[in-house]
Amino acid sequence: MHPVTKDISVLLNETAIKRSIKNIIQTVPNERFFNLSFGSDVKPTLFEFIDFGTAALLQEYIKVAISNYEPRVEDTQVDVKPEPDNNAFEINVYFTIVGQTEEQQFSYLLEATR
């Protein structure tokens, strides 16, 4: 919320694209009514073993989902590191926005939740 107007702030440019990528990754297929194929198979995979095999599988799921559903980015690279002590995966996504040369990056911790 905006502190003065109490209105919801609008996401612009890189922030909007980063939020879109995060939403694509966290959405399960069949979750959206009018686009049943939208999303990735990341959430069901989070309940597997926290190891490098699962990390490689997550990396492929994320790359495919971004290439299928986010046309504003290109040259996507995904780095997934398992963190068994935290029962999570650290996700780093590197990409360039179409028409720009500067590489963008964001990271977050992907945890299995109920």
PDB file of N, CA and C in Angstrom:
ATOM      1  N   MET A   1       0.834  -1.187   0.000  1.00  0.00           N
ATOM      2  CA  MET A   1       0.000   0.000   0.000  1.00  0.00           C
ATOM      3  C   MET A   1       0.877   1.247   0.000  1.00  0.00           C
ATOM      4  N   HIS A   2       0.379   2.250  -0.682  1.00  0.00           N
ATOM      5  CA  HIS A   2       1.064   3.532  -0.670  1.00  0.00           C
ATOM      6  C   HIS A   2       0.815   4.186   0.685  1.00  0.00           C
ATOM      7  N   PRO A   3       1.861   4.707   1.343  1.00  0.00           N
ATOM      8  CA  PRO A   3       1.683   5.229   2.703  1.00  0.00           C
ATOM      9  C   PRO A   3       0.801   6.463   2.792  1.00  0.00           C
ATOM     10  N   VAL A   4       0.736   7.263   1.744  1.00  0.00           N
ATOM     11  CA  VAL A   4      -0.048   8.494   1.808  1.00  0.00           C
ATOM     12  C   VAL A   4      -1.456   8.286   1.289  1.00  0.00           C
ATOM     13  N   THR A   5      -1.587   7.723   0.097  1.00  0.00           N
ATOM     14  CA  THR A   5      -2.904   7.599  -0.528  1.00  0.00           C
ATOM     15  C   THR A   5      -3.658   6.353  -0.090  1.00  0.00           C
ATOM     16  N   LYS A   6      -2.959   5.415   0.565  1.00  0.00           N
ATOM     17  CA  LYS A   6      -3.553   4.147   1.007  1.00  0.00           C
ATOM     18  C   LYS A   6      -4.065   3.323  -0.177  1.00  0.00           C
ATOM     19  N   ASP A   7      -3.508   3.585  -1.358  1.00  0.00           N
ATOM     20  CA  ASP A   7      -3.881   2.874  -2.559  1.00  0.00           C
ATOM     21  C   ASP A   7      -2.845   1.790  -2.840  1.00  0.00           C
ATOM     22  N   ILE A   8      -3.225   0.784  -3.581  1.00  0.00           N
ATOM     23  CA  ILE A   8      -2.289  -0.278  -3.942  1.00  0.00           C
ATOM     24  C   ILE A   8      -1.355   0.247  -5.016  1.00  0.00           C
ATOM     25  N   SER A   9      -0.056   0.054  -4.821  1.00  0.00           N
ATOM     26  CA  SER A   9       0.906   0.567  -5.793  1.00  0.00           C
ATOM     27  C   SER A   9       0.982  -0.355  -7.004  1.00  0.00           C
ATOM     28  N   VAL A  10       1.275   0.227  -8.142  1.00  0.00           N
ATOM     29  CA  VAL A  10       1.368  -0.493  -9.399  1.00  0.00           C
ATOM     30  C   VAL A  10       2.813  -0.941  -9.604  1.00  0.00           C
ATOM     31  N   LEU A  11       2.985  -2.196 -10.018  1.00  0.00           N
ATOM     32  CA  LEU A  11       4.317  -2.697 -10.312  1.00  0.00           C
ATOM     33  C   LEU A  11       4.675  -2.335 -11.746  1.00  0.00           C
ATOM     34  N   LEU A  12       5.873  -1.842 -11.929  1.00  0.00           N
ATOM     35  CA  LEU A  12       6.299  -1.421 -13.260  1.00  0.00           C
ATOM     36  C   LEU A  12       7.596  -2.109 -13.653  1.00  0.00           C
ATOM     37  N   ASN A  13       7.789  -2.246 -14.947  1.00  0.00           N
ATOM     38  CA  ASN A  13       9.031  -2.690 -15.570  1.00  0.00           C
ATOM     39  C   ASN A  13       9.579  -3.985 -14.977  1.00  0.00           C
ATOM     40  N   GLU A  14      10.814  -3.935 -14.470  1.00  0.00           N
ATOM     41  CA  GLU A  14      11.496  -5.144 -14.006  1.00  0.00           C
ATOM     42  C   GLU A  14      10.762  -5.796 -12.840  1.00  0.00           C
ATOM     43  N   THR A  15      10.221  -4.991 -11.974  1.00  0.00           N
ATOM     44  CA  THR A  15       9.515  -5.521 -10.805  1.00  0.00           C
ATOM     45  C   THR A  15       8.289  -6.322 -11.224  1.00  0.00           C
ATOM     46  N   ALA A  16       7.557  -5.838 -12.194  1.00  0.00           N
ATOM     47  CA  ALA A  16       6.365  -6.538 -12.683  1.00  0.00           C
ATOM     48  C   ALA A  16       6.747  -7.868 -13.329  1.00  0.00           C
ATOM     49  N   ILE A  17       7.836  -7.884 -14.081  1.00  0.00           N
ATOM     50  CA  ILE A  17       8.265  -9.116 -14.737  1.00  0.00           C
ATOM     51  C   ILE A  17       8.755 -10.127 -13.710  1.00  0.00           C
ATOM     52  N   LYS A  18       9.503  -9.662 -12.712  1.00  0.00           N
ATOM     53  CA  LYS A  18       9.975 -10.565 -11.655  1.00  0.00           C
ATOM     54  C   LYS A  18       8.802 -11.169 -10.895  1.00  0.00           C
ATOM     55  N   ARG A  19       7.801 -10.367 -10.596  1.00  0.00           N
ATOM     56  CA  ARG A  19       6.608 -10.867  -9.900  1.00  0.00           C
ATOM     57  C   ARG A  19       5.861 -11.867 -10.770  1.00  0.00           C
ATOM     58  N   SER A  20       5.796 -11.590 -12.069  1.00  0.00           N
ATOM     59  CA  SER A  20       5.137 -12.499 -13.001  1.00  0.00           C
ATOM     60  C   SER A  20       5.842 -13.853 -13.044  1.00  0.00           C
ATOM     61  N   ILE A  21       7.163 -13.842 -13.106  1.00  0.00           N
ATOM     62  CA  ILE A  21       7.923 -15.092 -13.127  1.00  0.00           C
ATOM     63  C   ILE A  21       7.696 -15.881 -11.847  1.00  0.00           C
ATOM     64  N   LYS A  22       7.711 -15.195 -10.727  1.00  0.00           N
ATOM     65  CA  LYS A  22       7.476 -15.870  -9.444  1.00  0.00           C
ATOM     66  C   LYS A  22       6.068 -16.477  -9.398  1.00  0.00           C
ATOM     67  N   ASN A  23       5.077 -15.767  -9.922  1.00  0.00           N
ATOM     68  CA  ASN A  23       3.712 -16.297  -9.960  1.00  0.00           C
ATOM     69  C   ASN A  23       3.605 -17.504 -10.880  1.00  0.00           C
ATOM     70  N   ILE A  24       4.304 -17.471 -12.011  1.00  0.00           N
ATOM     71  CA  ILE A  24       4.294 -18.610 -12.933  1.00  0.00           C
ATOM     72  C   ILE A  24       4.874 -19.840 -12.241  1.00  0.00           C
ATOM     73  N   ILE A  25       5.981 -19.653 -11.545  1.00  0.00           N
ATOM     74  CA  ILE A  25       6.649 -20.769 -10.871  1.00  0.00           C
ATOM     75  C   ILE A  25       5.773 -21.353  -9.773  1.00  0.00           C
ATOM     76  N   GLN A  26       5.078 -20.516  -9.035  1.00  0.00           N
ATOM     77  CA  GLN A  26       4.307 -20.989  -7.884  1.00  0.00           C
ATOM     78  C   GLN A  26       2.888 -21.437  -8.222  1.00  0.00           C
ATOM     79  N   THR A  27       2.451 -21.242  -9.455  1.00  0.00           N
ATOM     80  CA  THR A  27       1.105 -21.659  -9.848  1.00  0.00           C
ATOM     81  C   THR A  27       1.128 -23.113 -10.313  1.00  0.00           C
ATOM     82  N   VAL A  28       0.195 -23.883  -9.817  1.00  0.00           N
ATOM     83  CA  VAL A  28       0.065 -25.287 -10.187  1.00  0.00           C
ATOM     84  C   VAL A  28      -0.862 -25.386 -11.401  1.00  0.00           C
ATOM     85  N   PRO A  29      -0.524 -26.220 -12.417  1.00  0.00           N
ATOM     86  CA  PRO A  29      -1.457 -26.400 -13.535  1.00  0.00           C
ATOM     87  C   PRO A  29      -2.845 -26.823 -13.032  1.00  0.00           C
ATOM     88  N   ASN A  30      -3.878 -26.385 -13.724  1.00  0.00           N
ATOM     89  CA  ASN A  30      -5.297 -26.595 -13.374  1.00  0.00           C
ATOM     90  C   ASN A  30      -5.764 -25.684 -12.247  1.00  0.00           C
ATOM     91  N   GLU A  31      -4.947 -24.757 -11.806  1.00  0.00           N
ATOM     92  CA  GLU A  31      -5.334 -23.849 -10.732  1.00  0.00           C
ATOM     93  C   GLU A  31      -6.111 -22.639 -11.267  1.00  0.00           C
ATOM     94  N   ARG A  32      -5.853 -22.250 -12.512  1.00  0.00           N
ATOM     95  CA  ARG A  32      -6.548 -21.121 -13.119  1.00  0.00           C
ATOM     96  C   ARG A  32      -7.631 -21.648 -14.055  1.00  0.00           C
ATOM     97  N   PHE A  33      -8.844 -21.176 -13.880  1.00  0.00           N
ATOM     98  CA  PHE A  33      -9.994 -21.736 -14.569  1.00  0.00           C
ATOM     99  C   PHE A  33      -9.940 -21.635 -16.085  1.00  0.00           C
ATOM    100  N   PHE A  34      -9.560 -20.512 -16.628  1.00  0.00           N
ATOM    101  CA  PHE A  34      -9.638 -20.324 -18.065  1.00  0.00           C
ATOM    102  C   PHE A  34      -8.329 -20.598 -18.785  1.00  0.00           C
ATOM    103  N   ASN A  35      -7.312 -20.989 -18.044  1.00  0.00           N
ATOM    104  CA  ASN A  35      -6.027 -21.369 -18.631  1.00  0.00           C
ATOM    105  C   ASN A  35      -5.471 -22.524 -17.800  1.00  0.00           C
ATOM    106  N   LEU A  36      -6.010 -23.710 -18.016  1.00  0.00           N
ATOM    107  CA  LEU A  36      -5.712 -24.858 -17.162  1.00  0.00           C
ATOM    108  C   LEU A  36      -4.274 -25.351 -17.276  1.00  0.00           C
ATOM    109  N   SER A  37      -3.599 -25.044 -18.371  1.00  0.00           N
ATOM    110  CA  SER A  37      -2.221 -25.511 -18.514  1.00  0.00           C
ATOM    111  C   SER A  37      -1.210 -24.533 -17.926  1.00  0.00           C
ATOM    112  N   PHE A  38      -1.650 -23.338 -17.523  1.00  0.00           N
ATOM    113  CA  PHE A  38      -0.752 -22.307 -16.996  1.00  0.00           C
ATOM    114  C   PHE A  38      -0.112 -22.760 -15.686  1.00  0.00           C
ATOM    115  N   GLY A  39       1.187 -22.529 -15.554  1.00  0.00           N
ATOM    116  CA  GLY A  39       1.896 -22.825 -14.319  1.00  0.00           C
ATOM    117  C   GLY A  39       3.028 -23.796 -14.537  1.00  0.00           C
ATOM    118  N   SER A  40       3.518 -24.357 -13.428  1.00  0.00           N
ATOM    119  CA  SER A  40       4.634 -25.307 -13.487  1.00  0.00           C
ATOM    120  C   SER A  40       4.389 -26.437 -12.488  1.00  0.00           C
ATOM    121  N   ASP A  41       5.138 -27.504 -12.645  1.00  0.00           N
ATOM    122  CA  ASP A  41       5.016 -28.652 -11.746  1.00  0.00           C
ATOM    123  C   ASP A  41       5.994 -28.557 -10.581  1.00  0.00           C
ATOM    124  N   VAL A  42       6.308 -27.350 -10.156  1.00  0.00           N
ATOM    125  CA  VAL A  42       7.291 -27.144  -9.103  1.00  0.00           C
ATOM    126  C   VAL A  42       6.744 -27.556  -7.739  1.00  0.00           C
ATOM    127  N   LYS A  43       5.540 -27.134  -7.391  1.00  0.00           N
ATOM    128  CA  LYS A  43       5.019 -27.405  -6.043  1.00  0.00           C
ATOM    129  C   LYS A  43       4.952 -28.891  -5.699  1.00  0.00           C
ATOM    130  N   PRO A  44       4.433 -29.761  -6.569  1.00  0.00           N
ATOM    131  CA  PRO A  44       4.421 -31.184  -6.211  1.00  0.00           C
ATOM    132  C   PRO A  44       5.829 -31.767  -6.040  1.00  0.00           C
ATOM    133  N   THR A  45       6.795 -31.217  -6.746  1.00  0.00           N
ATOM    134  CA  THR A  45       8.173 -31.715  -6.679  1.00  0.00           C
ATOM    135  C   THR A  45       8.839 -31.324  -5.366  1.00  0.00           C
ATOM    136  N   LEU A  46       8.336 -30.315  -4.689  1.00  0.00           N
ATOM    137  CA  LEU A  46       8.954 -29.865  -3.442  1.00  0.00           C
ATOM    138  C   LEU A  46       8.858 -30.901  -2.327  1.00  0.00           C
ATOM    139  N   PHE A  47       7.989 -31.885  -2.474  1.00  0.00           N
ATOM    140  CA  PHE A  47       7.827 -32.902  -1.439  1.00  0.00           C
ATOM    141  C   PHE A  47       8.689 -34.132  -1.701  1.00  0.00           C
ATOM    142  N   GLU A  48       9.586 -34.033  -2.682  1.00  0.00           N
ATOM    143  CA  GLU A  48      10.558 -35.094  -2.947  1.00  0.00           C
ATOM    144  C   GLU A  48      11.776 -34.871  -2.061  1.00  0.00           C
ATOM    145  N   PHE A  49      12.802 -35.693  -2.230  1.00  0.00           N
ATOM    146  CA  PHE A  49      14.032 -35.527  -1.473  1.00  0.00           C
ATOM    147  C   PHE A  49      14.700 -34.200  -1.831  1.00  0.00           C
ATOM    148  N   ILE A  50      15.305 -33.563  -0.853  1.00  0.00           N
ATOM    149  CA  ILE A  50      16.034 -32.318  -1.075  1.00  0.00           C
ATOM    150  C   ILE A  50      17.460 -32.697  -1.480  1.00  0.00           C
ATOM    151  N   ASP A  51      17.676 -32.915  -2.780  1.00  0.00           N
ATOM    152  CA  ASP A  51      18.997 -33.299  -3.276  1.00  0.00           C
ATOM    153  C   ASP A  51      19.223 -32.673  -4.645  1.00  0.00           C
ATOM    154  N   PHE A  52      20.387 -32.953  -5.235  1.00  0.00           N
ATOM    155  CA  PHE A  52      20.733 -32.343  -6.514  1.00  0.00           C
ATOM    156  C   PHE A  52      19.903 -32.904  -7.669  1.00  0.00           C
ATOM    157  N   GLY A  53      19.418 -34.126  -7.559  1.00  0.00           N
ATOM    158  CA  GLY A  53      18.543 -34.681  -8.597  1.00  0.00           C
ATOM    159  C   GLY A  53      17.229 -33.932  -8.676  1.00  0.00           C
ATOM    160  N   THR A  54      16.633 -33.684  -7.522  1.00  0.00           N
ATOM    161  CA  THR A  54      15.394 -32.913  -7.481  1.00  0.00           C
ATOM    162  C   THR A  54      15.647 -31.475  -7.906  1.00  0.00           C
ATOM    163  N   ALA A  55      16.803 -30.931  -7.546  1.00  0.00           N
ATOM    164  CA  ALA A  55      17.156 -29.558  -7.952  1.00  0.00           C
ATOM    165  C   ALA A  55      17.240 -29.454  -9.471  1.00  0.00           C
ATOM    166  N   ALA A  56      17.830 -30.461 -10.123  1.00  0.00           N
ATOM    167  CA  ALA A  56      17.917 -30.452 -11.583  1.00  0.00           C
ATOM    168  C   ALA A  56      16.532 -30.540 -12.218  1.00  0.00           C
ATOM    169  N   LEU A  57      15.653 -31.335 -11.634  1.00  0.00           N
ATOM    170  CA  LEU A  57      14.284 -31.447 -12.130  1.00  0.00           C
ATOM    171  C   LEU A  57      13.544 -30.118 -11.973  1.00  0.00           C
ATOM    172  N   LEU A  58      13.688 -29.474 -10.816  1.00  0.00           N
ATOM    173  CA  LEU A  58      13.067 -28.169 -10.591  1.00  0.00           C
ATOM    174  C   LEU A  58      13.600 -27.127 -11.573  1.00  0.00           C
ATOM    175  N   GLN A  59      14.892 -27.173 -11.824  1.00  0.00           N
ATOM    176  CA  GLN A  59      15.506 -26.234 -12.754  1.00  0.00           C
ATOM    177  C   GLN A  59      14.881 -26.359 -14.138  1.00  0.00           C
ATOM    178  N   GLU A  60      14.673 -27.573 -14.589  1.00  0.00           N
ATOM    179  CA  GLU A  60      14.060 -27.790 -15.909  1.00  0.00           C
ATOM    180  C   GLU A  60      12.599 -27.337 -15.924  1.00  0.00           C
ATOM    181  N   TYR A  61      11.839 -27.644 -14.872  1.00  0.00           N
ATOM    182  CA  TYR A  61      10.439 -27.209 -14.797  1.00  0.00           C
ATOM    183  C   TYR A  61      10.336 -25.686 -14.854  1.00  0.00           C
ATOM    184  N   ILE A  62      11.211 -25.005 -14.138  1.00  0.00           N
ATOM    185  CA  ILE A  62      11.168 -23.545 -14.094  1.00  0.00           C
ATOM    186  C   ILE A  62      11.527 -22.950 -15.455  1.00  0.00           C
ATOM    187  N   LYS A  63      12.557 -23.467 -16.100  1.00  0.00           N
ATOM    188  CA  LYS A  63      12.951 -22.966 -17.418  1.00  0.00           C
ATOM    189  C   LYS A  63      11.822 -23.124 -18.432  1.00  0.00           C
ATOM    190  N   VAL A  64      11.188 -24.291 -18.449  1.00  0.00           N
ATOM    191  CA  VAL A  64      10.098 -24.556 -19.391  1.00  0.00           C
ATOM    192  C   VAL A  64       8.917 -23.636 -19.122  1.00  0.00           C
ATOM    193  N   ALA A  65       8.557 -23.462 -17.857  1.00  0.00           N
ATOM    194  CA  ALA A  65       7.412 -22.610 -17.513  1.00  0.00           C
ATOM    195  C   ALA A  65       7.660 -21.162 -17.919  1.00  0.00           C
ATOM    196  N   ILE A  66       8.865 -20.664 -17.670  1.00  0.00           N
ATOM    197  CA  ILE A  66       9.173 -19.277 -18.037  1.00  0.00           C
ATOM    198  C   ILE A  66       9.168 -19.115 -19.553  1.00  0.00           C
ATOM    199  N   SER A  67       9.747 -20.056 -20.270  1.00  0.00           N
ATOM    200  CA  SER A  67       9.766 -19.933 -21.733  1.00  0.00           C
ATOM    201  C   SER A  67       8.368 -20.043 -22.328  1.00  0.00           C
ATOM    202  N   ASN A  68       7.478 -20.800 -21.695  1.00  0.00           N
ATOM    203  CA  ASN A  68       6.112 -20.955 -22.210  1.00  0.00           C
ATOM    204  C   ASN A  68       5.201 -19.769 -21.892  1.00  0.00           C
ATOM    205  N   TYR A  69       5.359 -19.152 -20.725  1.00  0.00           N
ATOM    206  CA  TYR A  69       4.361 -18.196 -20.254  1.00  0.00           C
ATOM    207  C   TYR A  69       4.859 -16.776 -20.020  1.00  0.00           C
ATOM    208  N   GLU A  70       6.133 -16.496 -20.233  1.00  0.00           N
ATOM    209  CA  GLU A  70       6.625 -15.124 -20.062  1.00  0.00           C
ATOM    210  C   GLU A  70       7.355 -14.676 -21.328  1.00  0.00           C
ATOM    211  N   PRO A  71       6.623 -14.087 -22.280  1.00  0.00           N
ATOM    212  CA  PRO A  71       7.239 -13.682 -23.547  1.00  0.00           C
ATOM    213  C   PRO A  71       8.107 -12.428 -23.435  1.00  0.00           C
ATOM    214  N   ARG A  72       8.088 -11.728 -22.311  1.00  0.00           N
ATOM    215  CA  ARG A  72       8.864 -10.489 -22.169  1.00  0.00           C
ATOM    216  C   ARG A  72      10.323 -10.727 -21.806  1.00  0.00           C
ATOM    217  N   VAL A  73      10.714 -11.993 -21.565  1.00  0.00           N
ATOM    218  CA  VAL A  73      12.098 -12.278 -21.188  1.00  0.00           C
ATOM    219  C   VAL A  73      12.741 -13.239 -22.187  1.00  0.00           C
ATOM    220  N   GLU A  74      14.075 -13.197 -22.217  1.00  0.00           N
ATOM    221  CA  GLU A  74      14.841 -14.106 -23.058  1.00  0.00           C
ATOM    222  C   GLU A  74      16.153 -14.425 -22.344  1.00  0.00           C
ATOM    223  N   ASP A  75      16.888 -15.384 -22.874  1.00  0.00           N
ATOM    224  CA  ASP A  75      18.167 -15.818 -22.298  1.00  0.00           C
ATOM    225  C   ASP A  75      18.027 -16.159 -20.817  1.00  0.00           C
ATOM    226  N   THR A  76      17.049 -16.969 -20.503  1.00  0.00           N
ATOM    227  CA  THR A  76      16.773 -17.322 -19.116  1.00  0.00           C
ATOM    228  C   THR A  76      17.740 -18.396 -18.623  1.00  0.00           C
ATOM    229  N   GLN A  77      18.325 -18.151 -17.489  1.00  0.00           N
ATOM    230  CA  GLN A  77      19.172 -19.131 -16.802  1.00  0.00           C
ATOM    231  C   GLN A  77      18.618 -19.314 -15.398  1.00  0.00           C
ATOM    232  N   VAL A  78      18.537 -20.557 -14.961  1.00  0.00           N
ATOM    233  CA  VAL A  78      18.001 -20.870 -13.635  1.00  0.00           C
ATOM    234  C   VAL A  78      19.034 -21.679 -12.872  1.00  0.00           C
ATOM    235  N   ASP A  79      19.263 -21.293 -11.636  1.00  0.00           N
ATOM    236  CA  ASP A  79      20.188 -21.999 -10.763  1.00  0.00           C
ATOM    237  C   ASP A  79      19.414 -22.420  -9.517  1.00  0.00           C
ATOM    238  N   VAL A  80      19.381 -23.713  -9.243  1.00  0.00           N
ATOM    239  CA  VAL A  80      18.659 -24.237  -8.089  1.00  0.00           C
ATOM    240  C   VAL A  80      19.655 -24.947  -7.182  1.00  0.00           C
ATOM    241  N   LYS A  81      19.685 -24.525  -5.919  1.00  0.00           N
ATOM    242  CA  LYS A  81      20.592 -25.134  -4.941  1.00  0.00           C
ATOM    243  C   LYS A  81      19.770 -25.732  -3.812  1.00  0.00           C
ATOM    244  N   PRO A  82      19.944 -27.019  -3.538  1.00  0.00           N
ATOM    245  CA  PRO A  82      19.219 -27.621  -2.418  1.00  0.00           C
ATOM    246  C   PRO A  82      19.785 -27.166  -1.077  1.00  0.00           C
ATOM    247  N   GLU A  83      18.902 -26.932  -0.141  1.00  0.00           N
ATOM    248  CA  GLU A  83      19.279 -26.597   1.226  1.00  0.00           C
ATOM    249  C   GLU A  83      18.559 -27.557   2.167  1.00  0.00           C
ATOM    250  N   PRO A  84      19.105 -28.763   2.362  1.00  0.00           N
ATOM    251  CA  PRO A  84      18.415 -29.772   3.170  1.00  0.00           C
ATOM    252  C   PRO A  84      18.211 -29.357   4.629  1.00  0.00           C
ATOM    253  N   ASP A  85      19.114 -28.547   5.166  1.00  0.00           N
ATOM    254  CA  ASP A  85      18.961 -28.110   6.558  1.00  0.00           C
ATOM    255  C   ASP A  85      17.740 -27.220   6.745  1.00  0.00           C
ATOM    256  N   ASN A  86      17.382 -26.458   5.711  1.00  0.00           N
ATOM    257  CA  ASN A  86      16.217 -25.570   5.767  1.00  0.00           C
ATOM    258  C   ASN A  86      14.982 -26.188   5.124  1.00  0.00           C
ATOM    259  N   ASN A  87      15.113 -27.404   4.582  1.00  0.00           N
ATOM    260  CA  ASN A  87      14.032 -28.076   3.874  1.00  0.00           C
ATOM    261  C   ASN A  87      13.488 -27.190   2.748  1.00  0.00           C
ATOM    262  N   ALA A  88      14.431 -26.652   1.945  1.00  0.00           N
ATOM    263  CA  ALA A  88      14.055 -25.707   0.893  1.00  0.00           C
ATOM    264  C   ALA A  88      15.070 -25.762  -0.244  1.00  0.00           C
ATOM    265  N   PHE A  89      14.750 -25.021  -1.298  1.00  0.00           N
ATOM    266  CA  PHE A  89      15.641 -24.843  -2.437  1.00  0.00           C
ATOM    267  C   PHE A  89      15.847 -23.350  -2.644  1.00  0.00           C
ATOM    268  N   GLU A  90      17.083 -22.942  -2.890  1.00  0.00           N
ATOM    269  CA  GLU A  90      17.361 -21.552  -3.233  1.00  0.00           C
ATOM    270  C   GLU A  90      17.294 -21.432  -4.756  1.00  0.00           C
ATOM    271  N   ILE A  91      16.420 -20.565  -5.238  1.00  0.00           N
ATOM    272  CA  ILE A  91      16.200 -20.379  -6.666  1.00  0.00           C
ATOM    273  C   ILE A  91      16.800 -19.040  -7.084  1.00  0.00           C
ATOM    274  N   ASN A  92      17.676 -19.064  -8.078  1.00  0.00           N
ATOM    275  CA  ASN A  92      18.225 -17.848  -8.685  1.00  0.00           C
ATOM    276  C   ASN A  92      17.854 -17.861 -10.153  1.00  0.00           C
ATOM    277  N   VAL A  93      17.195 -16.795 -10.609  1.00  0.00           N
ATOM    278  CA  VAL A  93      16.769 -16.689 -12.004  1.00  0.00           C
ATOM    279  C   VAL A  93      17.467 -15.487 -12.624  1.00  0.00           C
ATOM    280  N   TYR A  94      18.147 -15.729 -13.753  1.00  0.00           N
ATOM    281  CA  TYR A  94      18.844 -14.687 -14.507  1.00  0.00           C
ATOM    282  C   TYR A  94      18.180 -14.585 -15.876  1.00  0.00           C
ATOM    283  N   PHE A  95      17.893 -13.365 -16.322  1.00  0.00           N
ATOM    284  CA  PHE A  95      17.233 -13.186 -17.615  1.00  0.00           C
ATOM    285  C   PHE A  95      17.495 -11.786 -18.140  1.00  0.00           C
ATOM    286  N   THR A  96      17.220 -11.589 -19.407  1.00  0.00           N
ATOM    287  CA  THR A  96      17.230 -10.250 -19.986  1.00  0.00           C
ATOM    288  C   THR A  96      15.831  -9.963 -20.514  1.00  0.00           C
ATOM    289  N   ILE A  97      15.432  -8.723 -20.373  1.00  0.00           N
ATOM    290  CA  ILE A  97      14.142  -8.295 -20.879  1.00  0.00           C
ATOM    291  C   ILE A  97      14.287  -8.044 -22.377  1.00  0.00           C
ATOM    292  N   VAL A  98      13.296  -8.457 -23.146  1.00  0.00           N
ATOM    293  CA  VAL A  98      13.338  -8.294 -24.596  1.00  0.00           C
ATOM    294  C   VAL A  98      13.522  -6.814 -24.928  1.00  0.00           C
ATOM    295  N   GLY A  99      14.523  -6.518 -25.757  1.00  0.00           N
ATOM    296  CA  GLY A  99      14.791  -5.146 -26.153  1.00  0.00           C
ATOM    297  C   GLY A  99      15.789  -4.436 -25.269  1.00  0.00           C
ATOM    298  N   GLN A 100      16.257  -5.081 -24.204  1.00  0.00           N
ATOM    299  CA  GLN A 100      17.256  -4.489 -23.316  1.00  0.00           C
ATOM    300  C   GLN A 100      18.486  -5.376 -23.283  1.00  0.00           C
ATOM    301  N   THR A 101      19.604  -4.820 -22.865  1.00  0.00           N
ATOM    302  CA  THR A 101      20.840  -5.591 -22.815  1.00  0.00           C
ATOM    303  C   THR A 101      21.263  -5.932 -21.393  1.00  0.00           C
ATOM    304  N   GLU A 102      20.743  -5.225 -20.414  1.00  0.00           N
ATOM    305  CA  GLU A 102      21.134  -5.442 -19.024  1.00  0.00           C
ATOM    306  C   GLU A 102      20.496  -6.711 -18.472  1.00  0.00           C
ATOM    307  N   GLU A 103      21.323  -7.567 -17.856  1.00  0.00           N
ATOM    308  CA  GLU A 103      20.807  -8.803 -17.281  1.00  0.00           C
ATOM    309  C   GLU A 103      20.135  -8.513 -15.944  1.00  0.00           C
ATOM    310  N   GLN A 104      18.984  -9.119 -15.747  1.00  0.00           N
ATOM    311  CA  GLN A 104      18.239  -8.997 -14.495  1.00  0.00           C
ATOM    312  C   GLN A 104      18.408 -10.275 -13.692  1.00  0.00           C
ATOM    313  N   GLN A 105      18.281 -10.168 -12.386  1.00  0.00           N
ATOM    314  CA  GLN A 105      18.436 -11.340 -11.523  1.00  0.00           C
ATOM    315  C   GLN A 105      17.546 -11.182 -10.306  1.00  0.00           C
ATOM    316  N   PHE A 106      16.958 -12.286  -9.875  1.00  0.00           N
ATOM    317  CA  PHE A 106      16.298 -12.293  -8.582  1.00  0.00           C
ATOM    318  C   PHE A 106      16.399 -13.691  -7.999  1.00  0.00           C
ATOM    319  N   SER A 107      16.283 -13.759  -6.699  1.00  0.00           N
ATOM    320  CA  SER A 107      16.377 -15.049  -6.027  1.00  0.00           C
ATOM    321  C   SER A 107      15.376 -15.094  -4.888  1.00  0.00           C
ATOM    322  N   TYR A 108      14.979 -16.297  -4.543  1.00  0.00           N
ATOM    323  CA  TYR A 108      14.120 -16.493  -3.388  1.00  0.00           C
ATOM    324  C   TYR A 108      14.229 -17.935  -2.923  1.00  0.00           C
ATOM    325  N   LEU A 109      13.689 -18.191  -1.761  1.00  0.00           N
ATOM    326  CA  LEU A 109      13.743 -19.515  -1.160  1.00  0.00           C
ATOM    327  C   LEU A 109      12.417 -20.209  -1.415  1.00  0.00           C
ATOM    328  N   LEU A 110      12.479 -21.365  -2.035  1.00  0.00           N
ATOM    329  CA  LEU A 110      11.295 -22.149  -2.379  1.00  0.00           C
ATOM    330  C   LEU A 110      11.146 -23.253  -1.351  1.00  0.00           C
ATOM    331  N   GLU A 111      10.084 -23.180  -0.553  1.00  0.00           N
ATOM    332  CA  GLU A 111       9.864 -24.128   0.533  1.00  0.00           C
ATOM    333  C   GLU A 111       8.575 -24.906   0.306  1.00  0.00           C
ATOM    334  N   ALA A 112       8.555 -26.119   0.800  1.00  0.00           N
ATOM    335  CA  ALA A 112       7.337 -26.928   0.750  1.00  0.00           C
ATOM    336  C   ALA A 112       6.400 -26.451   1.862  1.00  0.00           C
ATOM    337  N   THR A 113       5.195 -26.071   1.493  1.00  0.00           N
ATOM    338  CA  THR A 113       4.198 -25.649   2.465  1.00  0.00           C
ATOM    339  C   THR A 113       2.956 -26.495   2.292  1.00  0.00           C
ATOM    340  N   ARG A 114       2.155 -26.531   3.283  1.00  0.00           N
ATOM    341  CA  ARG A 114       0.930 -27.334   3.218  1.00  0.00           C
ATOM    342  C   ARG A 114      -0.134 -26.664   2.440  1.00  0.00           C
TER     343      ARG A 114
END
